[in-house]
C-alpha atoms as a PDB file:
ATOM      1  CA  MET A   1      -0.160  -0.098  -0.103  1.00  0.00           C
ATOM      2  CA  PRO A   2       1.295   3.402  -0.902  1.00  0.00           C
ATOM      3  CA  THR A   3       2.665   5.379   2.095  1.00  0.00           C
ATOM      4  CA  PHE A   4       3.391   8.802   0.554  1.00  0.00           C
ATOM      5  CA  LEU A   5       1.218  11.021  -1.284  1.00  0.00           C
ATOM      6  CA  ARG A   6       4.148  11.215  -4.021  1.00  0.00           C
ATOM      7  CA  GLU A   7       3.337   7.387  -4.934  1.00  0.00           C
ATOM      8  CA  LEU A   8      -0.193   8.345  -6.065  1.00  0.00           C
ATOM      9  CA  ILE A   9       1.130  11.100  -8.588  1.00  0.00           C
ATOM     10  CA  ARG A  10       1.703  10.274 -12.033  1.00  0.00           C
ATOM     11  CA  PRO A  11       2.226  12.169 -15.368  1.00  0.00           C
ATOM     12  CA  ALA A  12      -0.885  13.057 -17.127  1.00  0.00           C
ATOM     13  CA  ALA A  13       0.462  11.098 -20.012  1.00  0.00           C
ATOM     14  CA  GLU A  14       0.227   7.803 -17.900  1.00  0.00           C
ATOM     15  CA  LEU A  15      -2.995   8.690 -16.218  1.00  0.00           C
ATOM     16  CA  PRO A  16      -5.797   9.503 -19.221  1.00  0.00           C
ATOM     17  CA  GLN A  17      -8.098   8.768 -16.578  1.00  0.00           C
ATOM     18  CA  ALA A  18      -7.716   9.721 -12.944  1.00  0.00           C
ATOM     19  CA  ASP A  19      -9.782  11.274 -10.067  1.00  0.00           C
ATOM     20  CA  VAL A  20      -7.913  14.496  -9.878  1.00  0.00           C
ATOM     21  CA  CYS A  21      -5.551  16.474 -12.234  1.00  0.00           C
ATOM     22  CA  LEU A  22      -2.989  18.798 -10.823  1.00  0.00           C
ATOM     23  CA  VAL A  23      -1.632  21.586 -13.098  1.00  0.00           C
ATOM     24  CA  GLY A  24       0.774  24.395 -12.362  1.00  0.00           C
ATOM     25  CA  LEU A  25       0.524  28.078 -13.358  1.00  0.00           C
ATOM     26  CA  PRO A  26       4.162  29.787 -13.368  1.00  0.00           C
ATOM     27  CA  LEU A  27       2.903  33.353 -13.546  1.00  0.00           C
ATOM     28  CA  ASP A  28       3.296  36.413 -11.542  1.00  0.00           C
ATOM     29  CA  PHE A  29       2.949  39.191 -14.147  1.00  0.00           C
ATOM     30  CA  GLY A  30      -0.505  39.764 -13.029  1.00  0.00           C
ATOM     31  CA  THR A  31       0.678  40.667  -9.425  1.00  0.00           C
ATOM     32  CA  VAL A  32       3.604  42.818 -10.646  1.00  0.00           C
ATOM     33  CA  LEU A  33       0.912  45.014 -12.585  1.00  0.00           C
ATOM     34  CA  GLU A  34      -0.678  45.889  -9.223  1.00  0.00           C
ATOM     35  CA  GLY A  35       2.502  46.769  -7.542  1.00  0.00           C
ATOM     36  CA  GLY A  36       3.142  43.297  -5.771  1.00  0.00           C
ATOM     37  CA  ARG A  37       5.982  41.173  -5.308  1.00  0.00           C
ATOM     38  CA  ALA A  38       7.431  39.383  -8.174  1.00  0.00           C
ATOM     39  CA  GLY A  39       8.315  35.624  -7.792  1.00  0.00           C
ATOM     40  CA  ALA A  40       5.083  33.751  -7.642  1.00  0.00           C
ATOM     41  CA  SER A  41       5.827  32.055 -10.948  1.00  0.00           C
ATOM     42  CA  GLY A  42       8.085  29.651  -8.896  1.00  0.00           C
ATOM     43  CA  ALA A  43       5.296  28.338  -6.842  1.00  0.00           C
ATOM     44  CA  PRO A  44       4.212  25.357  -8.676  1.00  0.00           C
ATOM     45  CA  ASP A  45       7.408  23.620  -8.648  1.00  0.00           C
ATOM     46  CA  ALA A  46       8.088  24.855  -4.864  1.00  0.00           C
ATOM     47  CA  ILE A  47       4.569  23.321  -3.732  1.00  0.00           C
ATOM     48  CA  ARG A  48       5.227  19.835  -5.733  1.00  0.00           C
ATOM     49  CA  ARG A  49       8.313  19.407  -3.801  1.00  0.00           C
ATOM     50  CA  GLU A  50       6.405  19.549  -0.427  1.00  0.00           C
ATOM     51  CA  LEU A  51       3.648  17.553  -1.839  1.00  0.00           C
ATOM     52  CA  ARG A  52       5.926  14.813  -3.001  1.00  0.00           C
ATOM     53  CA  ARG A  53       8.331  14.932   0.199  1.00  0.00           C
ATOM     54  CA  TYR A  54       6.090  15.728   3.266  1.00  0.00           C
ATOM     55  CA  HIS A  55       2.621  14.152   3.007  1.00  0.00           C
ATOM     56  CA  LYS A  56       1.364  10.589   3.709  1.00  0.00           C
ATOM     57  CA  THR A  57      -1.650   8.901   2.327  1.00  0.00           C
ATOM     58  CA  TYR A  58      -3.424   8.406   5.586  1.00  0.00           C
ATOM     59  CA  ASN A  59      -5.337  11.142   7.504  1.00  0.00           C
ATOM     60  CA  LEU A  60      -5.891  10.666  11.191  1.00  0.00           C
ATOM     61  CA  GLU A  61      -8.427  13.449  11.671  1.00  0.00           C
ATOM     62  CA  HIS A  62     -10.987  11.940   9.537  1.00  0.00           C
ATOM     63  CA  ASP A  63      -9.671   8.369   9.552  1.00  0.00           C
ATOM     64  CA  VAL A  64      -9.522   8.521   5.704  1.00  0.00           C
ATOM     65  CA  SER A  65      -7.163   7.013   3.373  1.00  0.00           C
ATOM     66  CA  LEU A  66      -6.153   8.580   0.145  1.00  0.00           C
ATOM     67  CA  ASP A  67      -4.610   5.415  -1.329  1.00  0.00           C
ATOM     68  CA  HIS A  68      -7.287   4.848  -3.881  1.00  0.00           C
ATOM     69  CA  LEU A  69      -6.882   8.152  -5.389  1.00  0.00           C
ATOM     70  CA  ARG A  70      -5.391   8.375  -9.035  1.00  0.00           C
ATOM     71  CA  ILE A  71      -3.539  11.824  -9.269  1.00  0.00           C
ATOM     72  CA  ALA A  72      -2.348  13.057 -12.619  1.00  0.00           C
ATOM     73  CA  ASP A  73       0.008  15.910 -12.994  1.00  0.00           C
ATOM     74  CA  ALA A  74      -0.206  17.718 -16.331  1.00  0.00           C
ATOM     75  CA  GLY A  75       3.012  19.706 -15.346  1.00  0.00           C
ATOM     76  CA  ASN A  76       3.253  23.615 -15.743  1.00  0.00           C
ATOM     77  CA  LEU A  77       1.587  25.574 -18.536  1.00  0.00           C
ATOM     78  CA  PRO A  78       3.724  27.226 -21.195  1.00  0.00           C
ATOM     79  CA  LEU A  79       3.216  30.844 -19.872  1.00  0.00           C
ATOM     80  CA  ARG A  80       6.355  32.655 -21.236  1.00  0.00           C
ATOM     81  CA  HIS A  81       4.675  34.557 -24.319  1.00  0.00           C
ATOM     82  CA  PRO A  82       5.618  38.309 -24.239  1.00  0.00           C
ATOM     83  CA  ASP A  83       1.789  39.003 -24.849  1.00  0.00           C
ATOM     84  CA  HIS A  84       0.107  38.714 -21.605  1.00  0.00           C
ATOM     85  CA  ALA A  85      -3.398  38.123 -23.080  1.00  0.00           C
ATOM     86  CA  ALA A  86      -1.896  35.274 -25.181  1.00  0.00           C
ATOM     87  CA  ASN A  87      -0.693  33.406 -21.957  1.00  0.00           C
ATOM     88  CA  HIS A  88      -4.303  33.941 -20.678  1.00  0.00           C
ATOM     89  CA  GLU A  89      -5.620  32.305 -23.751  1.00  0.00           C
ATOM     90  CA  THR A  90      -3.353  29.452 -23.107  1.00  0.00           C
ATOM     91  CA  ILE A  91      -4.639  28.846 -19.505  1.00  0.00           C
ATOM     92  CA  ARG A  92      -8.191  29.217 -20.659  1.00  0.00           C
ATOM     93  CA  GLN A  93      -7.781  26.466 -23.308  1.00  0.00           C
ATOM     94  CA  ARG A  94      -5.628  24.145 -21.499  1.00  0.00           C
ATOM     95  CA  LEU A  95      -7.982  24.110 -18.385  1.00  0.00           C
ATOM     96  CA  ALA A  96     -10.957  23.784 -20.410  1.00  0.00           C
ATOM     97  CA  GLU A  97      -9.179  20.680 -21.902  1.00  0.00           C
ATOM     98  CA  LEU A  98      -8.436  19.241 -18.567  1.00  0.00           C
ATOM     99  CA  LEU A  99     -11.651  19.788 -17.043  1.00  0.00           C
ATOM    100  CA  GLN A 100     -13.151  17.709 -19.913  1.00  0.00           C
ATOM    101  CA  LEU A 101     -10.821  14.870 -19.335  1.00  0.00           C
ATOM    102  CA  TYR A 102     -10.904  14.839 -15.599  1.00  0.00           C
ATOM    103  CA  PRO A 103     -13.845  15.562 -12.952  1.00  0.00           C
ATOM    104  CA  LEU A 104     -11.444  17.573 -10.790  1.00  0.00           C
ATOM    105  CA  VAL A 105      -8.410  19.839 -11.224  1.00  0.00           C
ATOM    106  CA  VAL A 106      -6.159  21.415  -8.765  1.00  0.00           C
ATOM    107  CA  VAL A 107      -4.357  24.669  -9.628  1.00  0.00           C
ATOM    108  CA  LEU A 108      -0.869  25.176  -8.266  1.00  0.00           C
ATOM    109  CA  GLY A 109      -0.347  28.964  -8.718  1.00  0.00           C
ATOM    110  CA  GLY A 110       0.815  31.508  -9.639  1.00  0.00           C
ATOM    111  CA  SER A 111      -0.660  35.262  -9.403  1.00  0.00           C
ATOM    112  CA  HIS A 112      -4.357  35.470  -8.873  1.00  0.00           C
ATOM    113  CA  ASP A 113      -4.980  36.989 -12.423  1.00  0.00           C
ATOM    114  CA  GLY A 114      -4.892  33.508 -13.432  1.00  0.00           C
ATOM    115  CA  THR A 115      -8.269  32.629 -12.107  1.00  0.00           C
ATOM    116  CA  TYR A 116      -9.610  34.768 -14.543  1.00  0.00           C
ATOM    117  CA  SER A 117      -8.586  32.275 -17.100  1.00  0.00           C
ATOM    118  CA  THR A 118      -8.916  28.898 -15.080  1.00  0.00           C
ATOM    119  CA  VAL A 119     -12.557  30.017 -14.474  1.00  0.00           C
ATOM    120  CA  ARG A 120     -13.175  30.705 -18.240  1.00  0.00           C
ATOM    121  CA  GLY A 121     -11.988  27.214 -18.844  1.00  0.00           C
ATOM    122  CA  LEU A 122     -14.475  25.594 -16.313  1.00  0.00           C
ATOM    123  CA  PHE A 123     -17.115  28.009 -17.997  1.00  0.00           C
ATOM    124  CA  HIS A 124     -16.268  26.478 -21.538  1.00  0.00           C
ATOM    125  CA  ALA A 125     -16.046  23.099 -19.994  1.00  0.00           C
ATOM    126  CA  GLU A 126     -19.784  23.287 -18.662  1.00  0.00           C
ATOM    127  CA  GLY A 127     -21.011  24.286 -21.845  1.00  0.00           C
ATOM    128  CA  GLU A 128     -20.828  28.160 -21.363  1.00  0.00           C
ATOM    129  CA  LYS A 129     -23.115  28.264 -18.309  1.00  0.00           C
ATOM    130  CA  PRO A 130     -22.318  30.651 -15.627  1.00  0.00           C
ATOM    131  CA  VAL A 131     -20.446  29.154 -12.697  1.00  0.00           C
ATOM    132  CA  GLY A 132     -20.586  29.625  -8.888  1.00  0.00           C
ATOM    133  CA  GLY A 133     -17.315  30.150  -6.749  1.00  0.00           C
ATOM    134  CA  ILE A 134     -15.785  30.952  -3.684  1.00  0.00           C
ATOM    135  CA  ASN A 135     -12.783  33.335  -3.097  1.00  0.00           C
ATOM    136  CA  LEU A 136     -10.913  32.852   0.259  1.00  0.00           C
ATOM    137  CA  ASP A 137      -8.968  36.058   0.255  1.00  0.00           C
ATOM    138  CA  ALA A 138      -7.797  39.178   1.924  1.00  0.00           C
ATOM    139  CA  HIS A 139      -8.618  41.204  -1.245  1.00  0.00           C
ATOM    140  CA  ALA A 140     -11.915  41.243  -3.236  1.00  0.00           C
ATOM    141  CA  ASP A 141      -9.971  41.333  -6.462  1.00  0.00           C
ATOM    142  CA  VAL A 142     -12.654  43.029  -8.687  1.00  0.00           C
ATOM    143  CA  LYS A 143     -11.293  46.313  -9.629  1.00  0.00           C
ATOM    144  CA  HIS A 144     -12.556  47.693 -12.696  1.00  0.00           C
ATOM    145  CA  LYS A 145      -9.866  47.936 -15.350  1.00  0.00           C
ATOM    146  CA  PRO A 146     -11.284  46.776 -18.743  1.00  0.00           C
ATOM    147  CA  ASP A 147      -7.981  46.713 -20.493  1.00  0.00           C
ATOM    148  CA  LEU A 148      -5.822  44.956 -17.874  1.00  0.00           C
ATOM    149  CA  ILE A 149      -5.632  41.533 -16.650  1.00  0.00           C
ATOM    150  CA  SER A 150      -4.091  41.734 -13.248  1.00  0.00           C
ATOM    151  CA  SER A 151      -4.160  39.966  -9.902  1.00  0.00           C
ATOM    152  CA  GLY A 152      -6.633  42.629  -8.596  1.00  0.00           C
ATOM    153  CA  THR A 153      -9.384  42.015 -11.573  1.00  0.00           C
ATOM    154  CA  PRO A 154     -10.195  38.335 -11.741  1.00  0.00           C
ATOM    155  CA  PHE A 155     -13.622  38.363 -10.183  1.00  0.00           C
ATOM    156  CA  GLY A 156     -14.798  41.634 -11.627  1.00  0.00           C
ATOM    157  CA  LYS A 157     -13.933  40.695 -15.087  1.00  0.00           C
ATOM    158  CA  LEU A 158     -15.745  37.220 -14.717  1.00  0.00           C
ATOM    159  CA  LEU A 159     -18.653  38.899 -13.025  1.00  0.00           C
ATOM    160  CA  ARG A 160     -19.185  41.502 -15.569  1.00  0.00           C
ATOM    161  CA  GLU A 161     -18.679  39.079 -18.448  1.00  0.00           C
ATOM    162  CA  GLY A 162     -21.268  36.803 -17.240  1.00  0.00           C
ATOM    163  CA  GLN A 163     -19.184  33.783 -16.694  1.00  0.00           C
ATOM    164  CA  LEU A 164     -19.542  33.855 -12.933  1.00  0.00           C
ATOM    165  CA  ASP A 165     -23.019  34.007 -11.411  1.00  0.00           C
ATOM    166  CA  GLY A 166     -22.866  36.685  -8.652  1.00  0.00           C
ATOM    167  CA  SER A 167     -25.626  35.170  -6.612  1.00  0.00           C
ATOM    168  CA  ARG A 168     -23.522  31.904  -6.321  1.00  0.00           C
ATOM    169  CA  PHE A 169     -20.451  33.758  -5.373  1.00  0.00           C
ATOM    170  CA  THR A 170     -18.821  34.465  -1.990  1.00  0.00           C
ATOM    171  CA  GLU A 171     -15.974  36.549  -1.024  1.00  0.00           C
ATOM    172  CA  LEU A 172     -14.884  34.896   2.384  1.00  0.00           C
ATOM    173  CA  GLY A 173     -12.306  36.309   4.547  1.00  0.00           C
ATOM    174  CA  LEU A 174     -11.972  39.862   3.242  1.00  0.00           C
ATOM    175  CA  HIS A 175      -9.961  42.259   5.677  1.00  0.00           C
ATOM    176  CA  SER A 176     -11.529  45.387   6.924  1.00  0.00           C
ATOM    177  CA  ASN A 177      -9.094  48.038   5.550  1.00  0.00           C
ATOM    178  CA  LEU A 178      -7.912  46.400   2.495  1.00  0.00           C
ATOM    179  CA  ASN A 179     -10.954  46.829   0.198  1.00  0.00           C
ATOM    180  CA  THR A 180     -12.671  49.945  -1.252  1.00  0.00           C
ATOM    181  CA  ARG A 181     -16.073  50.813  -0.648  1.00  0.00           C
ATOM    182  CA  GLU A 182     -16.652  50.949  -4.500  1.00  0.00           C
ATOM    183  CA  ASP A 183     -15.550  47.346  -4.826  1.00  0.00           C
ATOM    184  CA  ILE A 184     -17.865  46.114  -1.929  1.00  0.00           C
ATOM    185  CA  GLU A 185     -20.895  48.011  -3.490  1.00  0.00           C
ATOM    186  CA  PHE A 186     -20.197  46.272  -6.953  1.00  0.00           C
ATOM    187  CA  LEU A 187     -20.082  43.058  -5.241  1.00  0.00           C
ATOM    188  CA  ARG A 188     -23.535  44.012  -3.566  1.00  0.00           C
ATOM    189  CA  THR A 189     -25.080  44.958  -7.265  1.00  0.00           C
ATOM    190  CA  GLN A 190     -24.046  41.578  -8.203  1.00  0.00           C
ATOM    191  CA  GLN A 191     -25.778  40.169  -5.371  1.00  0.00           C
ATOM    192  CA  ALA A 192     -22.506  38.365  -4.372  1.00  0.00           C
ATOM    193  CA  HIS A 193     -22.095  37.234  -0.590  1.00  0.00           C
ATOM    194  CA  ILE A 194     -19.516  38.873   1.442  1.00  0.00           C
ATOM    195  CA  VAL A 195     -18.103  37.329   4.749  1.00  0.00           C
ATOM    196  CA  PRO A 196     -15.288  39.612   6.455  1.00  0.00           C
ATOM    197  CA  LEU A 197     -12.750  37.909   8.061  1.00  0.00           C
ATOM    198  CA  ALA A 198     -14.078  39.236  11.391  1.00  0.00           C
ATOM    199  CA  LEU A 199     -17.058  37.102  10.979  1.00  0.00           C
ATOM    200  CA  VAL A 200     -15.217  34.006  10.018  1.00  0.00           C
ATOM    201  CA  GLN A 201     -13.080  34.611  13.356  1.00  0.00           C
ATOM    202  CA  GLN A 202     -16.219  34.922  15.244  1.00  0.00           C
ATOM    203  CA  GLY A 203     -18.403  32.138  13.911  1.00  0.00           C
ATOM    204  CA  GLY A 204     -15.756  29.674  12.824  1.00  0.00           C
ATOM    205  CA  MET A 205     -14.861  28.446   9.260  1.00  0.00           C
ATOM    206  CA  GLU A 206     -16.757  25.443   9.161  1.00  0.00           C
ATOM    207  CA  ALA A 207     -20.004  27.397   9.293  1.00  0.00           C
ATOM    208  CA  ALA A 208     -19.004  30.111   7.010  1.00  0.00           C
ATOM    209  CA  MET A 209     -17.806  27.558   4.379  1.00  0.00           C
ATOM    210  CA  ARG A 210     -20.677  25.385   4.624  1.00  0.00           C
ATOM    211  CA  GLU A 211     -23.062  28.298   3.792  1.00  0.00           C
ATOM    212  CA  ALA A 212     -20.700  29.429   0.862  1.00  0.00           C
ATOM    213  CA  LEU A 213     -20.645  26.036  -0.718  1.00  0.00           C
ATOM    214  CA  HIS A 214     -24.285  25.849  -0.428  1.00  0.00           C
ATOM    215  CA  GLN A 215     -24.702  28.968  -2.525  1.00  0.00           C
ATOM    216  CA  ALA A 216     -21.944  28.076  -4.913  1.00  0.00           C
ATOM    217  CA  THR A 217     -23.063  24.661  -5.780  1.00  0.00           C
ATOM    218  CA  ALA A 218     -26.997  25.537  -5.523  1.00  0.00           C
ATOM    219  CA  THR A 219     -27.475  24.900  -9.313  1.00  0.00           C
ATOM    220  CA  GLY A 220     -24.210  23.386 -10.755  1.00  0.00           C
ATOM    221  CA  PRO A 221     -20.461  23.219 -10.656  1.00  0.00           C
ATOM    222  CA  ALA A 222     -18.386  25.611  -8.953  1.00  0.00           C
ATOM    223  CA  PHE A 223     -14.703  26.601  -8.260  1.00  0.00           C
ATOM    224  CA  VAL A 224     -12.861  27.334  -4.984  1.00  0.00           C
ATOM    225  CA  SER A 225      -9.920  29.686  -5.092  1.00  0.00           C
ATOM    226  CA  PHE A 226      -7.797  30.148  -1.941  1.00  0.00           C
ATOM    227  CA  ASP A 227      -5.489  33.119  -2.102  1.00  0.00           C
ATOM    228  CA  ILE A 228      -2.726  32.163   0.397  1.00  0.00           C
ATOM    229  CA  ASP A 229      -2.236  35.936   1.286  1.00  0.00           C
ATOM    230  CA  GLY A 230      -5.688  35.501   3.204  1.00  0.00           C
ATOM    231  CA  VAL A 231      -3.561  33.497   5.707  1.00  0.00           C
ATOM    232  CA  ALA A 232      -1.926  35.541   8.478  1.00  0.00           C
ATOM    233  CA  GLU A 233       1.723  36.559   7.583  1.00  0.00           C
ATOM    234  CA  ALA A 234       2.861  34.862  10.721  1.00  0.00           C
ATOM    235  CA  TYR A 235       1.874  31.583   9.309  1.00  0.00           C
ATOM    236  CA  ALA A 236       2.324  32.357   5.506  1.00  0.00           C
ATOM    237  CA  PRO A 237       5.394  34.755   4.942  1.00  0.00           C
ATOM    238  CA  ALA A 238       5.909  34.092   1.320  1.00  0.00           C
ATOM    239  CA  VAL A 239       2.991  35.464  -0.424  1.00  0.00           C
ATOM    240  CA  SER A 240       2.675  38.364  -2.954  1.00  0.00           C
ATOM    241  CA  ALA A 241       0.751  40.853  -0.729  1.00  0.00           C
ATOM    242  CA  PRO A 242       1.284  39.721   3.206  1.00  0.00           C
ATOM    243  CA  SER A 243      -0.982  40.838   5.880  1.00  0.00           C
ATOM    244  CA  ALA A 244      -0.480  40.870   9.705  1.00  0.00           C
ATOM    245  CA  ASP A 245      -4.252  39.400  10.232  1.00  0.00           C
ATOM    246  CA  GLY A 246      -5.663  36.439   8.434  1.00  0.00           C
ATOM    247  CA  PHE A 247      -7.076  32.815   8.506  1.00  0.00           C
ATOM    248  CA  THR A 248      -5.070  30.326  10.595  1.00  0.00           C
ATOM    249  CA  PRO A 249      -3.698  27.343   9.071  1.00  0.00           C
ATOM    250  CA  ARG A 250      -6.321  25.276  10.808  1.00  0.00           C
ATOM    251  CA  GLN A 251      -9.108  27.381   9.132  1.00  0.00           C
ATOM    252  CA  ALA A 252      -7.250  27.027   5.815  1.00  0.00           C
ATOM    253  CA  VAL A 253      -7.258  23.404   6.243  1.00  0.00           C
ATOM    254  CA  GLU A 254     -11.092  22.995   7.159  1.00  0.00           C
ATOM    255  CA  ALA A 255     -11.995  25.079   4.195  1.00  0.00           C
ATOM    256  CA  ALA A 256     -10.068  23.131   1.643  1.00  0.00           C
ATOM    257  CA  PHE A 257     -11.363  19.746   3.223  1.00  0.00           C
ATOM    258  CA  MET A 258     -14.878  20.697   2.801  1.00  0.00           C
ATOM    259  CA  ALA A 259     -14.406  21.944  -0.629  1.00  0.00           C
ATOM    260  CA  GLY A 260     -13.023  18.645  -1.532  1.00  0.00           C
ATOM    261  CA  GLN A 261     -16.054  16.929   0.073  1.00  0.00           C
ATOM    262  CA  ASN A 262     -18.455  18.557  -2.308  1.00  0.00           C
ATOM    263  CA  ALA A 263     -18.663  16.841  -5.738  1.00  0.00           C
ATOM    264  CA  PHE A 264     -19.646  20.032  -7.435  1.00  0.00           C
ATOM    265  CA  VAL A 265     -16.249  21.970  -6.974  1.00  0.00           C
ATOM    266  CA  ARG A 266     -14.682  20.898  -9.835  1.00  0.00           C
ATOM    267  CA  LEU A 267     -11.669  23.458  -9.808  1.00  0.00           C
ATOM    268  CA  PHE A 268      -9.727  24.025  -6.507  1.00  0.00           C
ATOM    269  CA  GLU A 269      -6.601  26.453  -6.475  1.00  0.00           C
ATOM    270  CA  VAL A 270      -4.026  27.837  -4.324  1.00  0.00           C
ATOM    271  CA  VAL A 271      -2.700  30.973  -5.463  1.00  0.00           C
ATOM    272  CA  GLU A 272      -0.357  33.839  -4.632  1.00  0.00           C
ATOM    273  CA  PHE A 273       2.278  31.776  -3.048  1.00  0.00           C
ATOM    274  CA  ASN A 274       5.853  33.537  -3.644  1.00  0.00           C
ATOM    275  CA  PRO A 275       8.803  31.038  -2.785  1.00  0.00           C
ATOM    276  CA  ILE A 276      11.467  33.985  -3.110  1.00  0.00           C
ATOM    277  CA  PHE A 277      10.318  35.014   0.383  1.00  0.00           C
ATOM    278  CA  ASP A 278       9.704  31.881   2.094  1.00  0.00           C
ATOM    279  CA  ARG A 279      11.342  30.605   5.591  1.00  0.00           C
ATOM    280  CA  ASP A 280      12.150  27.210   5.905  1.00  0.00           C
ATOM    281  CA  ASN A 281       9.759  26.168   3.197  1.00  0.00           C
ATOM    282  CA  GLN A 282       7.194  27.178   5.807  1.00  0.00           C
ATOM    283  CA  THR A 283       4.568  28.716   3.301  1.00  0.00           C
ATOM    284  CA  ALA A 284       5.279  26.130   0.625  1.00  0.00           C
ATOM    285  CA  ARG A 285       4.549  23.363   3.205  1.00  0.00           C
ATOM    286  CA  LEU A 286       1.190  25.084   4.113  1.00  0.00           C
ATOM    287  CA  ALA A 287       0.206  25.375   0.577  1.00  0.00           C
ATOM    288  CA  ALA A 288       0.740  21.675   0.157  1.00  0.00           C
ATOM    289  CA  THR A 289      -1.052  21.009   3.286  1.00  0.00           C
ATOM    290  CA  ILE A 290      -3.895  22.791   1.990  1.00  0.00           C
ATOM    291  CA  ILE A 291      -4.050  20.922  -1.260  1.00  0.00           C
ATOM    292  CA  THR A 292      -3.621  17.581   0.708  1.00  0.00           C
ATOM    293  CA  ALA A 293      -6.440  18.657   2.681  1.00  0.00           C
ATOM    294  CA  TYR A 294      -8.785  19.301  -0.534  1.00  0.00           C
ATOM    295  CA  LEU A 295      -7.616  15.711  -1.520  1.00  0.00           C
ATOM    296  CA  THR A 296      -8.717  14.146   1.602  1.00  0.00           C
ATOM    297  CA  GLY A 297     -12.017  15.468   1.316  1.00  0.00           C
ATOM    298  CA  VAL A 298     -12.282  14.200  -2.299  1.00  0.00           C
ATOM    299  CA  ALA A 299     -11.141  10.851  -0.875  1.00  0.00           C
ATOM    300  CA  SER A 300     -13.548  10.930   1.894  1.00  0.00           C
ATOM    301  CA  ARG A 301     -16.512  10.971  -0.508  1.00  0.00           C
ATOM    302  CA  THR A 302     -15.027   8.675  -3.298  1.00  0.00           C
ATOM    303  CA  ALA A 303     -14.440   5.529  -1.521  1.00  0.00           C
ATOM    304  CA  LYS A 304     -15.270   4.122   1.891  1.00  0.00           C
ATOM    305  CA  SER A 305     -12.186   4.707   4.276  1.00  0.00           C
ATOM    306  CA  GLN A 306     -10.160   1.884   5.242  1.00  0.00           C
ATOM    307  CA  LYS A 307     -11.119   1.707   9.258  1.00  0.00           C
ATOM    308  CA  LEU A 308      -8.513   1.163  11.714  1.00  0.00           C
ATOM    309  CA  PRO A 309      -9.718  -1.132  14.541  1.00  0.00           C
ATOM    310  CA  PRO A 310     -10.426   0.439  17.734  1.00  0.00           C
ATOM    311  CA  ILE A 311      -7.493   1.129  20.202  1.00  0.00           C
END
């Protein structure tokens, strides 16, 4: 029986059929456009290293074995074109292809502007029907910049273009002084749901995520985008835009596990990890832990767990 998660991961060419497909977005230009720190393009490889060397296939908390999961890895997308829009078209096309081949795709990011095109890929894979979603983030990322694809614009573009259903979209964990009144008012006009960080801290992640998932998947497929700068800087120093306040690792793991439990969440991403600023792989390990929690949620519903005998 496989002991380590790395034993389950195979190149996509070897697994044309799998439960989950990983794909990397080596992208940071969208963050630089917003004045953020360059370096998120190195995130996919850094996350893979932690996934492969650190995590095992058994989850003690939920008594779930992941060893039945087939996990394909499609590698990193080629995103070195000098035309930023061309790179985004590559993301959209390739994500649509992967989502037509595999039931679930996990994105290793990469600046948050990539979500504009990963979600467009989901939109096209689902027959161009508006999708639902959750953004776990310190920032709303709905700036109105029609001619710019940046890390501050993805959800605004998706909502304005009708690919994201506002009534099925939740901004979860927004910080009190990192968002403008104009952006919040725009979200309200779109009938989006807003759950500030303070409410998550007061009521707990489980209740907030349960309601957000209910809304996102009410009428069809959805995505969950986890911007790791939503985690407090003490736990995640290597991000594009660090904040003193934020989610705890426990809250991050809870959210990811619940996303994996929901069969309608077809796209899960961890974005804005910037390995240049990491300390002893601390943030890389957290990103890998979040992804492993999502995979554990998937495993908990795709097969009966192998129960250990009572102690």
